[in-house]
Amino acid sequence: MNELFPEQKQVLEEYQAMNRVLDIQGQYEQSGVAFFFKQWGGKNKKKAGRELNGRT
């Protein structure tokens, strides 16, 4: 695999994190359990926000 630029690595990590959260959300929905998403983590939580799939 080619070396990633720092910006590319950050985007890739954010994409992977979002996919993990969406996978977990899907598992909850299949089980009939409510899913509560509080906010994204990271160094600057306000900047990361608390929106998932366009919803807060």
C-alpha atoms as a PDB file:
ATOM      1  CA  MET A   1       0.000   0.000   0.000  1.00  0.00           C
ATOM      2  CA  ASN A   2       1.234   3.482  -0.808  1.00  0.00           C
ATOM      3  CA  GLU A   3       2.140   5.905   1.946  1.00  0.00           C
ATOM      4  CA  LEU A   4      -0.777   8.146   2.921  1.00  0.00           C
ATOM      5  CA  PHE A   5      -0.516  11.862   3.501  1.00  0.00           C
ATOM      6  CA  PRO A   6      -1.594  12.950   7.012  1.00  0.00           C
ATOM      7  CA  GLU A   7      -4.822  14.429   5.632  1.00  0.00           C
ATOM      8  CA  GLN A   8      -5.639  11.196   3.797  1.00  0.00           C
ATOM      9  CA  LYS A   9      -4.941   9.142   6.904  1.00  0.00           C
ATOM     10  CA  GLN A  10      -7.283  11.326   8.975  1.00  0.00           C
ATOM     11  CA  VAL A  11     -10.085  11.017   6.417  1.00  0.00           C
ATOM     12  CA  LEU A  12      -9.596   7.247   6.233  1.00  0.00           C
ATOM     13  CA  GLU A  13      -9.699   6.916  10.026  1.00  0.00           C
ATOM     14  CA  GLU A  14     -12.878   9.034  10.228  1.00  0.00           C
ATOM     15  CA  TYR A  15     -14.500   6.929   7.493  1.00  0.00           C
ATOM     16  CA  GLN A  16     -13.594   3.700   9.289  1.00  0.00           C
ATOM     17  CA  ALA A  17     -14.913   5.052  12.598  1.00  0.00           C
ATOM     18  CA  MET A  18     -18.211   6.053  10.981  1.00  0.00           C
ATOM     19  CA  ASN A  19     -18.553   2.598   9.420  1.00  0.00           C
ATOM     20  CA  ARG A  20     -17.994   0.958  12.817  1.00  0.00           C
ATOM     21  CA  VAL A  21     -20.680   3.136  14.425  1.00  0.00           C
ATOM     22  CA  LEU A  22     -23.137   2.450  11.594  1.00  0.00           C
ATOM     23  CA  ASP A  23     -22.451  -1.286  11.888  1.00  0.00           C
ATOM     24  CA  ILE A  24     -23.158  -1.193  15.615  1.00  0.00           C
ATOM     25  CA  GLN A  25     -26.311   0.852  14.987  1.00  0.00           C
ATOM     26  CA  GLY A  26     -27.494  -1.774  12.505  1.00  0.00           C
ATOM     27  CA  GLN A  27     -26.903  -4.552  15.026  1.00  0.00           C
ATOM     28  CA  TYR A  28     -28.978  -2.692  17.614  1.00  0.00           C
ATOM     29  CA  GLU A  29     -31.814  -2.137  15.126  1.00  0.00           C
ATOM     30  CA  GLN A  30     -31.822  -5.832  14.154  1.00  0.00           C
ATOM     31  CA  SER A  31     -32.064  -6.755  17.835  1.00  0.00           C
ATOM     32  CA  GLY A  32     -34.867  -4.259  18.486  1.00  0.00           C
ATOM     33  CA  VAL A  33     -32.740  -2.274  20.935  1.00  0.00           C
ATOM     34  CA  ALA A  34     -32.689   1.523  20.993  1.00  0.00           C
ATOM     35  CA  PHE A  35     -29.413   3.049  19.818  1.00  0.00           C
ATOM     36  CA  PHE A  36     -28.215   6.286  21.419  1.00  0.00           C
ATOM     37  CA  PHE A  37     -25.362   8.158  19.760  1.00  0.00           C
ATOM     38  CA  LYS A  38     -24.012  10.914  21.970  1.00  0.00           C
ATOM     39  CA  GLN A  39     -21.115  12.406  20.002  1.00  0.00           C
ATOM     40  CA  TRP A  40     -17.954  11.695  18.083  1.00  0.00           C
ATOM     41  CA  GLY A  41     -14.776  11.445  20.119  1.00  0.00           C
ATOM     42  CA  GLY A  42     -11.443  12.989  19.384  1.00  0.00           C
ATOM     43  CA  LYS A  43      -9.391  15.893  20.601  1.00  0.00           C
ATOM     44  CA  ASN A  44     -11.956  18.566  19.734  1.00  0.00           C
ATOM     45  CA  LYS A  45     -15.374  17.047  20.440  1.00  0.00           C
ATOM     46  CA  LYS A  46     -17.277  20.245  19.599  1.00  0.00           C
ATOM     47  CA  LYS A  47     -15.675  20.339  16.170  1.00  0.00           C
ATOM     48  CA  ALA A  48     -16.373  16.632  15.588  1.00  0.00           C
ATOM     49  CA  GLY A  49     -20.026  17.188  16.441  1.00  0.00           C
ATOM     50  CA  ARG A  50     -22.801  14.850  17.386  1.00  0.00           C
ATOM     51  CA  GLU A  51     -24.490  14.294  14.039  1.00  0.00           C
ATOM     52  CA  LEU A  52     -24.860  10.798  12.577  1.00  0.00           C
ATOM     53  CA  ASN A  53     -26.504  10.314   9.177  1.00  0.00           C
ATOM     54  CA  GLY A  54     -27.777  13.890   9.211  1.00  0.00           C
ATOM     55  CA  ARG A  55     -29.491  13.512  12.585  1.00  0.00           C
ATOM     56  CA  THR A  56     -28.572  14.727  16.055  1.00  0.00           C
END
